[in-house]
Structures are given as structure tokens and as C-alpha cells.
Amino acid sequence: MKIRIMPESLKSNLNLIEKKAKSIVIEEKGRIVKVNIEPVAFGLKAIIIQLTRREDLDQDPLMDKLQAIENISSAEIIDVRRLSL
């Protein structure tokens, strides 16, 4: 799964937002695979978190907690794939 977190402004502390998001993912039984900072527009950057998580777990609690992080405008799932073992 990939989640895009958009900060409220250019002045938002991306490192702090990333740290909080990682702890929420772990708390909600996810495993972080990769984190990228990607430019969006006009100097604004998004945090993209790639993670694995059991598909039978409800995504709502994870997303509710991510969306409640201070200084973000949105958190949304941008990609979901099933792992092939």
C-alpha cells in the first residue's frame, strides 16, 4: 500500500510529520517498506509511505490517525497491491 501525506504549507516540518506517520503505521500493525519525499508543485513536497499490512485489517483506523497528524492537509491511499509470495 502507498499513502500520500500532504503538508499544510511549505513551512510544515516534514521530518516531524514523517516520524509521527511512521509510528502510527507501526502502531496499526503495518511494516514500512520505503519512505520518499516527492515534489508536488511550487516547492510543496509530499511524503509517500510504502507499507505492507495484512489485508484483513480495517484501513479506517490507520487513515483516521494519519489524517489527524498536525500540520497536514490530507492523507490518502494512492495504491494498493496484493503481495505474491
Protein backbone atom coordinates (compact mmCIF):
# COMPACT_ATOMS: atom_id res chain seq x y z
CA MET A 1 0.00 0.00 0.00
CA LYS A 2 1.16 3.54 -0.70
CA ILE A 3 -0.08 6.54 1.25
CA ARG A 4 0.50 10.15 0.25
CA ILE A 5 0.63 12.70 3.06
CA MET A 6 0.34 16.34 2.02
CA PRO A 7 1.58 19.04 4.42
CA GLU A 8 -0.50 22.18 5.05
CA SER A 9 2.23 24.54 3.87
CA LEU A 10 5.84 24.90 2.81
CA LYS A 11 6.69 25.66 6.44
CA SER A 12 5.38 22.33 7.76
CA ASN A 13 8.12 20.20 9.31
CA LEU A 14 8.27 17.14 7.01
CA ASN A 15 10.66 15.28 9.32
CA LEU A 16 8.26 15.57 12.25
CA ILE A 17 5.26 14.57 10.12
CA GLU A 18 7.19 11.58 8.75
CA LYS A 19 8.23 10.46 12.23
CA LYS A 20 4.63 10.64 13.52
CA ALA A 21 3.29 8.83 10.44
CA LYS A 22 5.83 6.01 10.82
CA SER A 23 4.89 5.48 14.47
CA ILE A 24 1.18 5.36 13.54
CA VAL A 25 1.82 2.79 10.80
CA ILE A 26 3.74 0.57 13.24
CA GLU A 27 1.09 1.05 15.94
CA GLU A 28 -1.56 -0.08 13.44
CA LYS A 29 0.36 -3.29 12.62
CA GLY A 30 1.96 -2.09 9.41
CA ARG A 31 5.54 -2.56 8.24
CA ILE A 32 7.21 0.32 6.47
CA VAL A 33 8.97 -0.66 3.26
CA LYS A 34 10.04 2.73 1.95
CA VAL A 35 9.51 6.47 2.53
CA ASN A 36 10.02 9.08 -0.19
CA ILE A 37 9.69 12.84 -0.27
CA GLU A 38 8.34 13.88 -3.67
CA PRO A 39 7.94 17.38 -5.10
CA VAL A 40 4.34 18.33 -5.88
CA ALA A 41 4.23 21.97 -7.04
CA PHE A 42 5.58 25.41 -6.16
CA GLY A 43 8.07 23.98 -3.65
CA LEU A 44 5.48 21.86 -1.82
CA LYS A 45 6.56 18.28 -1.14
CA ALA A 46 4.54 15.17 -0.25
CA ILE A 47 5.56 12.25 1.93
CA ILE A 48 4.93 8.90 0.24
CA ILE A 49 4.93 5.94 2.62
CA GLN A 50 5.04 2.46 1.14
CA LEU A 51 3.99 -0.20 3.64
CA THR A 52 2.77 -3.74 3.99
CA ARG A 53 -0.14 -4.70 6.19
CA ARG A 54 -2.45 -7.67 6.46
CA GLU A 55 -5.36 -7.14 4.10
CA ASP A 56 -7.95 -8.36 6.61
CA LEU A 57 -7.21 -5.35 8.86
CA ASP A 58 -9.54 -2.37 8.63
CA GLN A 59 -7.85 0.62 6.97
CA ASP A 60 -10.10 3.24 8.58
CA PRO A 61 -8.34 3.45 11.98
CA LEU A 62 -4.95 3.81 10.25
CA MET A 63 -6.18 6.54 7.92
CA ASP A 64 -8.08 8.37 10.68
CA LYS A 65 -4.93 8.57 12.79
CA LEU A 66 -2.78 9.68 9.85
CA GLN A 67 -5.28 12.40 8.90
CA ALA A 68 -5.23 13.68 12.49
CA ILE A 69 -1.49 14.49 12.36
CA GLU A 70 -0.85 18.18 12.95
CA ASN A 71 0.14 20.39 10.00
CA ILE A 72 -1.08 18.09 7.22
CA SER A 73 -3.82 18.90 4.74
CA SER A 74 -4.52 15.31 3.68
CA ALA A 75 -3.52 11.68 3.86
CA GLU A 76 -4.78 9.34 1.18
CA ILE A 77 -4.18 5.84 -0.11
CA ILE A 78 -2.80 6.14 -3.62
CA ASP A 79 -2.01 2.49 -4.40
CA VAL A 80 -2.96 -0.93 -3.04
CA ARG A 81 -1.49 -4.19 -4.26
CA ARG A 82 -1.54 -7.76 -3.10
CA LEU A 83 1.81 -9.38 -2.30
CA SER A 84 2.61 -12.52 -4.23
CA LEU A 85 4.70 -14.98 -2.27
